[in-house]
């Protein structure tokens, strides 16, 4: 968290110190267009490249591009034939990804409902992409805290009864999505979980409930999980700034169980 905070305040390299170019913040999925390995390659200024004999220089003619394609295929556990180059006039760069539909401008937002943001780290290129829905969420503290006394909980489990305890997921602000992605951007794939190793559910994240794959989330995975820090930041902010009023006084609220509580 300190590394991300320092980077937000002072800038500097990303991807655990490997990327020194300024990263991009992009919205939506129309900033890049899918091409093929047989497309004419563009240079860093977006100009079509040609060979010495005047013939078009194709993407597949570049050893570096073929290597990057294989690397991305390995990361995504896909065949290289399933990986396509995407060109962006906005960033003047190529990235590699799978095909999301017949429309070459179609990205993951259009085909995978649960995707609302993602981070791209390829070589010296880094970007956070947020979908439109990311900006439609609630603001921080827009949901009032509704706490239960912590001594009603046993082994972090809420009491059974008519009163439904407030979960931390009910108070998360929209800004937490971008904050989550900053951990991917700043620390990179070598330090942060990706894909199936990521966990978003608090109860599973802290090892109180089996994951959908039947395994328990471990401490080592939780320490490399961006959502761990996103939820911790919201939790700590509520503890600092939001109180629950009882008959005897005012108490700070906490979410260390995943539910809104206060100490008696």
C-alpha atoms as a PDB file:
ATOM      1  CA  UNK A   1       0.000   0.000   0.000  1.00  0.00           C
ATOM      2  CA  UNK A   2       2.903   2.327   0.747  1.00  0.00           C
ATOM      3  CA  UNK A   3       4.374   1.692  -2.696  1.00  0.00           C
ATOM      4  CA  UNK A   4       1.097   2.526  -4.443  1.00  0.00           C
ATOM      5  CA  UNK A   5       0.614   5.616  -2.260  1.00  0.00           C
ATOM      6  CA  UNK A   6       4.113   6.907  -3.024  1.00  0.00           C
ATOM      7  CA  UNK A   7       3.601   6.313  -6.745  1.00  0.00           C
ATOM      8  CA  UNK A   8       0.280   8.193  -6.744  1.00  0.00           C
ATOM      9  CA  UNK A   9       1.935  11.140  -5.006  1.00  0.00           C
ATOM     10  CA  UNK A  10       5.311  11.219  -6.752  1.00  0.00           C
ATOM     11  CA  UNK A  11       5.102   9.040  -9.868  1.00  0.00           C
ATOM     12  CA  UNK A  12       7.975   6.874 -11.016  1.00  0.00           C
ATOM     13  CA  UNK A  13       8.339   3.426 -12.597  1.00  0.00           C
ATOM     14  CA  UNK A  14       5.606   0.777 -12.552  1.00  0.00           C
ATOM     15  CA  UNK A  15       5.589  -3.019 -12.976  1.00  0.00           C
ATOM     16  CA  UNK A  16       7.792  -3.483  -9.897  1.00  0.00           C
ATOM     17  CA  UNK A  17      10.318  -0.975 -11.225  1.00  0.00           C
ATOM     18  CA  UNK A  18      10.603  -2.392 -14.761  1.00  0.00           C
ATOM     19  CA  UNK A  19       8.439   0.125 -16.663  1.00  0.00           C
ATOM     20  CA  UNK A  20       9.645   3.716 -16.731  1.00  0.00           C
ATOM     21  CA  UNK A  21       7.217   5.059 -19.336  1.00  0.00           C
ATOM     22  CA  UNK A  22       4.146   6.923 -18.129  1.00  0.00           C
ATOM     23  CA  UNK A  23       1.163   4.513 -18.046  1.00  0.00           C
ATOM     24  CA  UNK A  24      -2.219   5.226 -19.625  1.00  0.00           C
ATOM     25  CA  UNK A  25      -5.664   5.497 -18.041  1.00  0.00           C
ATOM     26  CA  UNK A  26      -8.247   4.416 -20.637  1.00  0.00           C
ATOM     27  CA  UNK A  27     -12.030   4.164 -20.638  1.00  0.00           C
ATOM     28  CA  UNK A  28     -14.078   1.577 -22.511  1.00  0.00           C
ATOM     29  CA  UNK A  29     -12.894  -0.921 -25.083  1.00  0.00           C
ATOM     30  CA  UNK A  30     -12.793   1.092 -28.315  1.00  0.00           C
ATOM     31  CA  UNK A  31      -9.264   2.419 -27.894  1.00  0.00           C
ATOM     32  CA  UNK A  32      -7.730  -0.504 -29.815  1.00  0.00           C
ATOM     33  CA  UNK A  33      -8.547  -2.517 -32.947  1.00  0.00           C
ATOM     34  CA  UNK A  34      -7.819  -6.186 -33.513  1.00  0.00           C
ATOM     35  CA  UNK A  35      -5.545  -7.030 -36.432  1.00  0.00           C
ATOM     36  CA  UNK A  36      -3.870 -10.248 -37.584  1.00  0.00           C
ATOM     37  CA  UNK A  37      -0.257 -11.339 -37.810  1.00  0.00           C
ATOM     38  CA  UNK A  38      -0.578 -10.785 -41.571  1.00  0.00           C
ATOM     39  CA  UNK A  39      -1.514  -7.113 -41.117  1.00  0.00           C
ATOM     40  CA  UNK A  40       1.009  -4.481 -42.147  1.00  0.00           C
ATOM     41  CA  UNK A  41       2.946  -3.433 -39.078  1.00  0.00           C
ATOM     42  CA  UNK A  42       2.991   0.175 -37.894  1.00  0.00           C
ATOM     43  CA  UNK A  43       5.947   1.995 -36.378  1.00  0.00           C
ATOM     44  CA  UNK A  44       5.946   3.959 -33.116  1.00  0.00           C
ATOM     45  CA  UNK A  45       4.384   6.917 -34.932  1.00  0.00           C
ATOM     46  CA  UNK A  46       1.585   4.861 -36.453  1.00  0.00           C
ATOM     47  CA  UNK A  47       3.028   4.835 -39.960  1.00  0.00           C
ATOM     48  CA  UNK A  48       2.833   1.633 -42.075  1.00  0.00           C
ATOM     49  CA  UNK A  49       6.215  -0.083 -42.262  1.00  0.00           C
ATOM     50  CA  UNK A  50       7.800  -1.329 -45.494  1.00  0.00           C
ATOM     51  CA  UNK A  51      10.750  -3.574 -46.335  1.00  0.00           C
ATOM     52  CA  UNK A  52      13.829  -2.438 -48.229  1.00  0.00           C
ATOM     53  CA  UNK A  53      12.250  -3.648 -51.471  1.00  0.00           C
ATOM     54  CA  UNK A  54       9.122  -1.582 -50.850  1.00  0.00           C
ATOM     55  CA  UNK A  55       6.923  -4.527 -49.901  1.00  0.00           C
ATOM     56  CA  UNK A  56       4.721  -4.229 -46.787  1.00  0.00           C
ATOM     57  CA  UNK A  57       6.437  -5.252 -43.558  1.00  0.00           C
ATOM     58  CA  UNK A  58       3.984  -7.560 -41.825  1.00  0.00           C
ATOM     59  CA  UNK A  59       3.574  -8.091 -38.096  1.00  0.00           C
ATOM     60  CA  UNK A  60       4.595 -11.730 -38.495  1.00  0.00           C
ATOM     61  CA  UNK A  61       7.880 -10.573 -40.068  1.00  0.00           C
ATOM     62  CA  UNK A  62       8.950  -9.207 -36.677  1.00  0.00           C
ATOM     63  CA  UNK A  63      10.699 -11.720 -34.408  1.00  0.00           C
ATOM     64  CA  UNK A  64       9.962  -9.512 -31.387  1.00  0.00           C
ATOM     65  CA  UNK A  65       6.234  -9.543 -32.154  1.00  0.00           C
ATOM     66  CA  UNK A  66       6.197 -13.314 -32.629  1.00  0.00           C
ATOM     67  CA  UNK A  67       7.976 -13.721 -29.300  1.00  0.00           C
ATOM     68  CA  UNK A  68       5.528 -11.426 -27.506  1.00  0.00           C
ATOM     69  CA  UNK A  69       2.627 -13.379 -28.983  1.00  0.00           C
ATOM     70  CA  UNK A  70       4.034 -16.635 -27.596  1.00  0.00           C
ATOM     71  CA  UNK A  71       4.637 -15.062 -24.177  1.00  0.00           C
ATOM     72  CA  UNK A  72       1.061 -13.785 -23.928  1.00  0.00           C
ATOM     73  CA  UNK A  73      -0.243 -17.172 -25.079  1.00  0.00           C
ATOM     74  CA  UNK A  74       1.664 -18.839 -22.244  1.00  0.00           C
ATOM     75  CA  UNK A  75       0.349 -16.331 -19.701  1.00  0.00           C
ATOM     76  CA  UNK A  76      -3.250 -16.888 -20.838  1.00  0.00           C
ATOM     77  CA  UNK A  77      -2.799 -20.645 -21.286  1.00  0.00           C
ATOM     78  CA  UNK A  78      -3.875 -20.359 -24.912  1.00  0.00           C
ATOM     79  CA  UNK A  79      -2.500 -21.483 -28.255  1.00  0.00           C
ATOM     80  CA  UNK A  80      -0.478 -18.756 -30.023  1.00  0.00           C
ATOM     81  CA  UNK A  81      -2.927 -19.070 -32.921  1.00  0.00           C
ATOM     82  CA  UNK A  82      -5.655 -17.803 -30.580  1.00  0.00           C
ATOM     83  CA  UNK A  83      -3.720 -14.628 -29.747  1.00  0.00           C
ATOM     84  CA  UNK A  84      -4.144 -11.526 -31.917  1.00  0.00           C
ATOM     85  CA  UNK A  85      -2.292  -8.213 -32.133  1.00  0.00           C
ATOM     86  CA  UNK A  86      -4.332  -5.128 -31.197  1.00  0.00           C
ATOM     87  CA  UNK A  87      -3.250  -1.717 -32.442  1.00  0.00           C
ATOM     88  CA  UNK A  88      -4.154   1.528 -30.657  1.00  0.00           C
ATOM     89  CA  UNK A  89      -4.025   4.951 -32.289  1.00  0.00           C
ATOM     90  CA  UNK A  90      -4.402   6.394 -28.787  1.00  0.00           C
ATOM     91  CA  UNK A  91      -1.292   4.803 -27.299  1.00  0.00           C
ATOM     92  CA  UNK A  92       0.578   4.163 -30.572  1.00  0.00           C
ATOM     93  CA  UNK A  93       1.352   0.641 -29.393  1.00  0.00           C
ATOM     94  CA  UNK A  94       0.467  -3.004 -29.975  1.00  0.00           C
ATOM     95  CA  UNK A  95      -0.917  -5.311 -27.320  1.00  0.00           C
ATOM     96  CA  UNK A  96      -1.835  -8.983 -27.626  1.00  0.00           C
ATOM     97  CA  UNK A  97      -5.044 -10.667 -26.508  1.00  0.00           C
ATOM     98  CA  UNK A  98      -7.626 -13.269 -27.478  1.00  0.00           C
ATOM     99  CA  UNK A  99     -10.426 -12.592 -29.960  1.00  0.00           C
ATOM    100  CA  UNK A 100     -13.663 -11.404 -28.336  1.00  0.00           C
ATOM    101  CA  UNK A 101     -15.967 -11.410 -31.346  1.00  0.00           C
ATOM    102  CA  UNK A 102     -16.283 -10.786 -35.067  1.00  0.00           C
ATOM    103  CA  UNK A 103     -16.175  -7.019 -34.554  1.00  0.00           C
ATOM    104  CA  UNK A 104     -12.456  -6.064 -34.440  1.00  0.00           C
ATOM    105  CA  UNK A 105     -13.208  -3.254 -31.974  1.00  0.00           C
ATOM    106  CA  UNK A 106     -14.887  -5.619 -29.514  1.00  0.00           C
ATOM    107  CA  UNK A 107     -13.116  -6.150 -26.195  1.00  0.00           C
ATOM    108  CA  UNK A 108     -13.747  -8.067 -22.970  1.00  0.00           C
ATOM    109  CA  UNK A 109     -16.346  -5.567 -21.717  1.00  0.00           C
ATOM    110  CA  UNK A 110     -18.697  -6.506 -24.533  1.00  0.00           C
ATOM    111  CA  UNK A 111     -18.466 -10.254 -24.014  1.00  0.00           C
ATOM    112  CA  UNK A 112     -17.580 -10.897 -20.357  1.00  0.00           C
ATOM    113  CA  UNK A 113     -20.203  -9.349 -18.077  1.00  0.00           C
ATOM    114  CA  UNK A 114     -18.131  -9.530 -14.893  1.00  0.00           C
ATOM    115  CA  UNK A 115     -15.200  -7.588 -16.368  1.00  0.00           C
ATOM    116  CA  UNK A 116     -15.413  -3.934 -15.349  1.00  0.00           C
ATOM    117  CA  UNK A 117     -11.696  -3.089 -15.396  1.00  0.00           C
ATOM    118  CA  UNK A 118      -8.340  -4.594 -16.256  1.00  0.00           C
ATOM    119  CA  UNK A 119      -4.667  -3.700 -16.338  1.00  0.00           C
ATOM    120  CA  UNK A 120      -2.337  -4.319 -19.266  1.00  0.00           C
ATOM    121  CA  UNK A 121       1.398  -4.764 -18.720  1.00  0.00           C
ATOM    122  CA  UNK A 122       3.410  -5.621 -21.821  1.00  0.00           C
ATOM    123  CA  UNK A 123       7.043  -4.720 -22.144  1.00  0.00           C
ATOM    124  CA  UNK A 124       7.350  -0.992 -21.442  1.00  0.00           C
ATOM    125  CA  UNK A 125       3.614  -0.418 -21.987  1.00  0.00           C
ATOM    126  CA  UNK A 126       1.246  -0.163 -19.052  1.00  0.00           C
ATOM    127  CA  UNK A 127      -2.410   0.871 -18.878  1.00  0.00           C
ATOM    128  CA  UNK A 128      -5.464   0.698 -16.649  1.00  0.00           C
ATOM    129  CA  UNK A 129      -8.720   0.363 -18.565  1.00  0.00           C
ATOM    130  CA  UNK A 130     -12.039   1.104 -16.883  1.00  0.00           C
ATOM    131  CA  UNK A 131     -15.419   0.321 -18.409  1.00  0.00           C
ATOM    132  CA  UNK A 132     -18.234   2.895 -18.385  1.00  0.00           C
ATOM    133  CA  UNK A 133     -20.052   1.114 -15.537  1.00  0.00           C
ATOM    134  CA  UNK A 134     -17.090   1.825 -13.255  1.00  0.00           C
ATOM    135  CA  UNK A 135     -18.098   5.488 -13.103  1.00  0.00           C
ATOM    136  CA  UNK A 136     -21.721   4.791 -12.166  1.00  0.00           C
ATOM    137  CA  UNK A 137     -21.103   3.492  -8.654  1.00  0.00           C
ATOM    138  CA  UNK A 138     -21.538   5.159  -5.292  1.00  0.00           C
ATOM    139  CA  UNK A 139     -19.234   7.646  -3.626  1.00  0.00           C
ATOM    140  CA  UNK A 140     -17.239   6.963  -0.473  1.00  0.00           C
ATOM    141  CA  UNK A 141     -19.405   7.248   2.684  1.00  0.00           C
ATOM    142  CA  UNK A 142     -22.598   7.524   0.617  1.00  0.00           C
ATOM    143  CA  UNK A 143     -23.815   4.403   2.451  1.00  0.00           C
ATOM    144  CA  UNK A 144     -24.324   4.855   6.180  1.00  0.00           C
ATOM    145  CA  UNK A 145     -22.742   2.308   8.479  1.00  0.00           C
ATOM    146  CA  UNK A 146     -25.133  -0.115  10.139  1.00  0.00           C
ATOM    147  CA  UNK A 147     -23.126  -1.933  12.784  1.00  0.00           C
ATOM    148  CA  UNK A 148     -23.686  -4.796  15.191  1.00  0.00           C
ATOM    149  CA  UNK A 149     -21.815  -5.283  18.449  1.00  0.00           C
ATOM    150  CA  UNK A 150     -18.677  -7.332  17.854  1.00  0.00           C
ATOM    151  CA  UNK A 151     -19.351  -9.594  20.849  1.00  0.00           C
ATOM    152  CA  UNK A 152     -22.356 -11.011  18.978  1.00  0.00           C
ATOM    153  CA  UNK A 153     -19.988 -12.662  16.496  1.00  0.00           C
ATOM    154  CA  UNK A 154     -18.425 -16.094  16.973  1.00  0.00           C
ATOM    155  CA  UNK A 155     -15.317 -17.001  14.951  1.00  0.00           C
ATOM    156  CA  UNK A 156     -16.020 -13.986  12.717  1.00  0.00           C
ATOM    157  CA  UNK A 157     -19.474 -15.379  11.922  1.00  0.00           C
ATOM    158  CA  UNK A 158     -22.498 -13.094  12.391  1.00  0.00           C
ATOM    159  CA  UNK A 159     -25.329 -14.029  14.734  1.00  0.00           C
ATOM    160  CA  UNK A 160     -28.310 -15.812  13.273  1.00  0.00           C
ATOM    161  CA  UNK A 161     -31.557 -13.908  13.467  1.00  0.00           C
ATOM    162  CA  UNK A 162     -33.751 -11.340  11.803  1.00  0.00           C
ATOM    163  CA  UNK A 163     -31.090  -8.613  11.692  1.00  0.00           C
ATOM    164  CA  UNK A 164     -28.955  -8.948   8.566  1.00  0.00           C
ATOM    165  CA  UNK A 165     -25.450  -7.629   9.243  1.00  0.00           C
ATOM    166  CA  UNK A 166     -24.057  -5.096   6.800  1.00  0.00           C
ATOM    167  CA  UNK A 167     -21.259  -6.536   4.643  1.00  0.00           C
ATOM    168  CA  UNK A 168     -18.271  -4.539   3.447  1.00  0.00           C
ATOM    169  CA  UNK A 169     -19.352  -5.176  -0.154  1.00  0.00           C
ATOM    170  CA  UNK A 170     -22.418  -3.002   0.534  1.00  0.00           C
ATOM    171  CA  UNK A 171     -20.363   0.134   1.240  1.00  0.00           C
ATOM    172  CA  UNK A 172     -17.609  -0.134  -1.389  1.00  0.00           C
ATOM    173  CA  UNK A 173     -17.212   3.078  -3.428  1.00  0.00           C
ATOM    174  CA  UNK A 174     -16.740   3.084  -7.200  1.00  0.00           C
ATOM    175  CA  UNK A 175     -13.204   4.418  -6.772  1.00  0.00           C
ATOM    176  CA  UNK A 176     -12.089   1.172  -5.195  1.00  0.00           C
ATOM    177  CA  UNK A 177     -12.016  -0.421  -8.700  1.00  0.00           C
ATOM    178  CA  UNK A 178      -9.291   1.926  -9.947  1.00  0.00           C
ATOM    179  CA  UNK A 179      -7.423   1.553  -6.640  1.00  0.00           C
ATOM    180  CA  UNK A 180      -7.495  -2.235  -7.076  1.00  0.00           C
ATOM    181  CA  UNK A 181      -6.030  -1.912 -10.574  1.00  0.00           C
ATOM    182  CA  UNK A 182      -3.239   0.341  -9.309  1.00  0.00           C
ATOM    183  CA  UNK A 183      -1.780  -2.634  -7.430  1.00  0.00           C
ATOM    184  CA  UNK A 184      -1.619  -4.603 -10.681  1.00  0.00           C
ATOM    185  CA  UNK A 185      -0.050  -1.636 -12.473  1.00  0.00           C
ATOM    186  CA  UNK A 186       2.498  -0.686  -9.821  1.00  0.00           C
ATOM    187  CA  UNK A 187       3.590  -4.122  -8.586  1.00  0.00           C
ATOM    188  CA  UNK A 188       3.168  -6.064 -11.841  1.00  0.00           C
ATOM    189  CA  UNK A 189       2.250  -9.654 -12.554  1.00  0.00           C
ATOM    190  CA  UNK A 190       5.246 -11.035 -10.662  1.00  0.00           C
ATOM    191  CA  UNK A 191       4.051  -9.579  -7.347  1.00  0.00           C
ATOM    192  CA  UNK A 192       0.252  -9.531  -7.700  1.00  0.00           C
ATOM    193  CA  UNK A 193      -2.194 -12.355  -8.386  1.00  0.00           C
ATOM    194  CA  UNK A 194      -4.011 -12.587 -11.683  1.00  0.00           C
ATOM    195  CA  UNK A 195      -6.695 -14.727 -13.262  1.00  0.00           C
ATOM    196  CA  UNK A 196      -8.043 -17.555 -11.114  1.00  0.00           C
ATOM    197  CA  UNK A 197      -5.686 -16.671  -8.248  1.00  0.00           C
ATOM    198  CA  UNK A 198      -7.573 -13.431  -7.583  1.00  0.00           C
ATOM    199  CA  UNK A 199     -10.320 -13.423  -4.961  1.00  0.00           C
ATOM    200  CA  UNK A 200     -12.971 -10.743  -4.426  1.00  0.00           C
ATOM    201  CA  UNK A 201     -15.176 -12.286  -1.737  1.00  0.00           C
ATOM    202  CA  UNK A 202     -14.102 -11.207   1.760  1.00  0.00           C
ATOM    203  CA  UNK A 203     -15.084 -14.421   3.543  1.00  0.00           C
ATOM    204  CA  UNK A 204     -13.112 -16.527   1.068  1.00  0.00           C
ATOM    205  CA  UNK A 205     -10.265 -14.029   1.012  1.00  0.00           C
ATOM    206  CA  UNK A 206      -9.575 -14.371   4.731  1.00  0.00           C
ATOM    207  CA  UNK A 207      -9.841 -18.152   4.681  1.00  0.00           C
ATOM    208  CA  UNK A 208     -13.217 -18.513   6.411  1.00  0.00           C
ATOM    209  CA  UNK A 209     -14.934 -20.189   3.461  1.00  0.00           C
ATOM    210  CA  UNK A 210     -13.883 -22.531   0.669  1.00  0.00           C
ATOM    211  CA  UNK A 211     -13.399 -20.996  -2.760  1.00  0.00           C
ATOM    212  CA  UNK A 212     -15.464 -22.083  -5.750  1.00  0.00           C
ATOM    213  CA  UNK A 213     -12.618 -24.410  -6.762  1.00  0.00           C
ATOM    214  CA  UNK A 214     -12.945 -26.237  -3.438  1.00  0.00           C
ATOM    215  CA  UNK A 215      -9.677 -24.922  -2.002  1.00  0.00           C
ATOM    216  CA  UNK A 216      -9.050 -22.570   0.890  1.00  0.00           C
ATOM    217  CA  UNK A 217      -7.422 -19.221   0.109  1.00  0.00           C
ATOM    218  CA  UNK A 218      -3.969 -19.074   1.689  1.00  0.00           C
ATOM    219  CA  UNK A 219      -2.202 -16.210   3.442  1.00  0.00           C
ATOM    220  CA  UNK A 220       0.430 -16.044   0.690  1.00  0.00           C
ATOM    221  CA  UNK A 221      -2.286 -15.641  -1.948  1.00  0.00           C
ATOM    222  CA  UNK A 222      -4.105 -13.040   0.144  1.00  0.00           C
ATOM    223  CA  UNK A 223      -0.903 -10.989   0.474  1.00  0.00           C
ATOM    224  CA  UNK A 224      -0.617 -10.842  -3.332  1.00  0.00           C
ATOM    225  CA  UNK A 225      -4.304 -10.171  -3.919  1.00  0.00           C
ATOM    226  CA  UNK A 226      -5.138  -6.568  -5.004  1.00  0.00           C
ATOM    227  CA  UNK A 227      -8.668  -6.761  -3.609  1.00  0.00           C
ATOM    228  CA  UNK A 228      -7.216  -7.492  -0.164  1.00  0.00           C
ATOM    229  CA  UNK A 229      -5.721  -4.000  -0.116  1.00  0.00           C
ATOM    230  CA  UNK A 230      -8.755  -2.350  -1.703  1.00  0.00           C
ATOM    231  CA  UNK A 231     -11.045  -3.713   1.019  1.00  0.00           C
ATOM    232  CA  UNK A 232      -8.513  -2.919   3.752  1.00  0.00           C
ATOM    233  CA  UNK A 233      -8.368   0.704   2.564  1.00  0.00           C
ATOM    234  CA  UNK A 234     -12.162   1.083   2.661  1.00  0.00           C
ATOM    235  CA  UNK A 235     -12.318  -0.642   6.050  1.00  0.00           C
ATOM    236  CA  UNK A 236      -9.661   1.625   7.542  1.00  0.00           C
ATOM    237  CA  UNK A 237     -11.259   4.756   6.101  1.00  0.00           C
ATOM    238  CA  UNK A 238     -14.607   3.879   7.686  1.00  0.00           C
ATOM    239  CA  UNK A 239     -12.895   3.200  11.018  1.00  0.00           C
ATOM    240  CA  UNK A 240     -11.207   6.609  10.899  1.00  0.00           C
ATOM    241  CA  UNK A 241     -14.171   8.674   9.753  1.00  0.00           C
ATOM    242  CA  UNK A 242     -17.454   6.859  10.437  1.00  0.00           C
ATOM    243  CA  UNK A 243     -18.995   6.216  13.835  1.00  0.00           C
ATOM    244  CA  UNK A 244     -21.866   4.132  15.142  1.00  0.00           C
ATOM    245  CA  UNK A 245     -23.900   5.840  17.863  1.00  0.00           C
ATOM    246  CA  UNK A 246     -25.163   3.714  20.731  1.00  0.00           C
ATOM    247  CA  UNK A 247     -27.055   4.709  23.867  1.00  0.00           C
ATOM    248  CA  UNK A 248     -23.775   4.977  25.778  1.00  0.00           C
ATOM    249  CA  UNK A 249     -21.713   6.920  23.255  1.00  0.00           C
ATOM    250  CA  UNK A 250     -20.092   7.026  19.852  1.00  0.00           C
ATOM    251  CA  UNK A 251     -17.880   4.213  18.599  1.00  0.00           C
ATOM    252  CA  UNK A 252     -15.846   3.734  15.417  1.00  0.00           C
ATOM    253  CA  UNK A 253     -17.040   0.996  13.100  1.00  0.00           C
ATOM    254  CA  UNK A 254     -14.844  -1.838  11.820  1.00  0.00           C
ATOM    255  CA  UNK A 255     -15.071  -4.454   9.074  1.00  0.00           C
ATOM    256  CA  UNK A 256     -12.374  -6.886  10.217  1.00  0.00           C
ATOM    257  CA  UNK A 257     -14.924  -9.721  10.132  1.00  0.00           C
ATOM    258  CA  UNK A 258     -16.225  -8.639   6.729  1.00  0.00           C
ATOM    259  CA  UNK A 259     -19.287  -7.226   8.490  1.00  0.00           C
ATOM    260  CA  UNK A 260     -19.862  -3.816  10.060  1.00  0.00           C
ATOM    261  CA  UNK A 261     -19.202  -4.037  13.807  1.00  0.00           C
ATOM    262  CA  UNK A 262     -18.354  -1.864  16.786  1.00  0.00           C
ATOM    263  CA  UNK A 263     -16.591  -2.680  20.045  1.00  0.00           C
ATOM    264  CA  UNK A 264     -18.806  -2.567  23.115  1.00  0.00           C
END
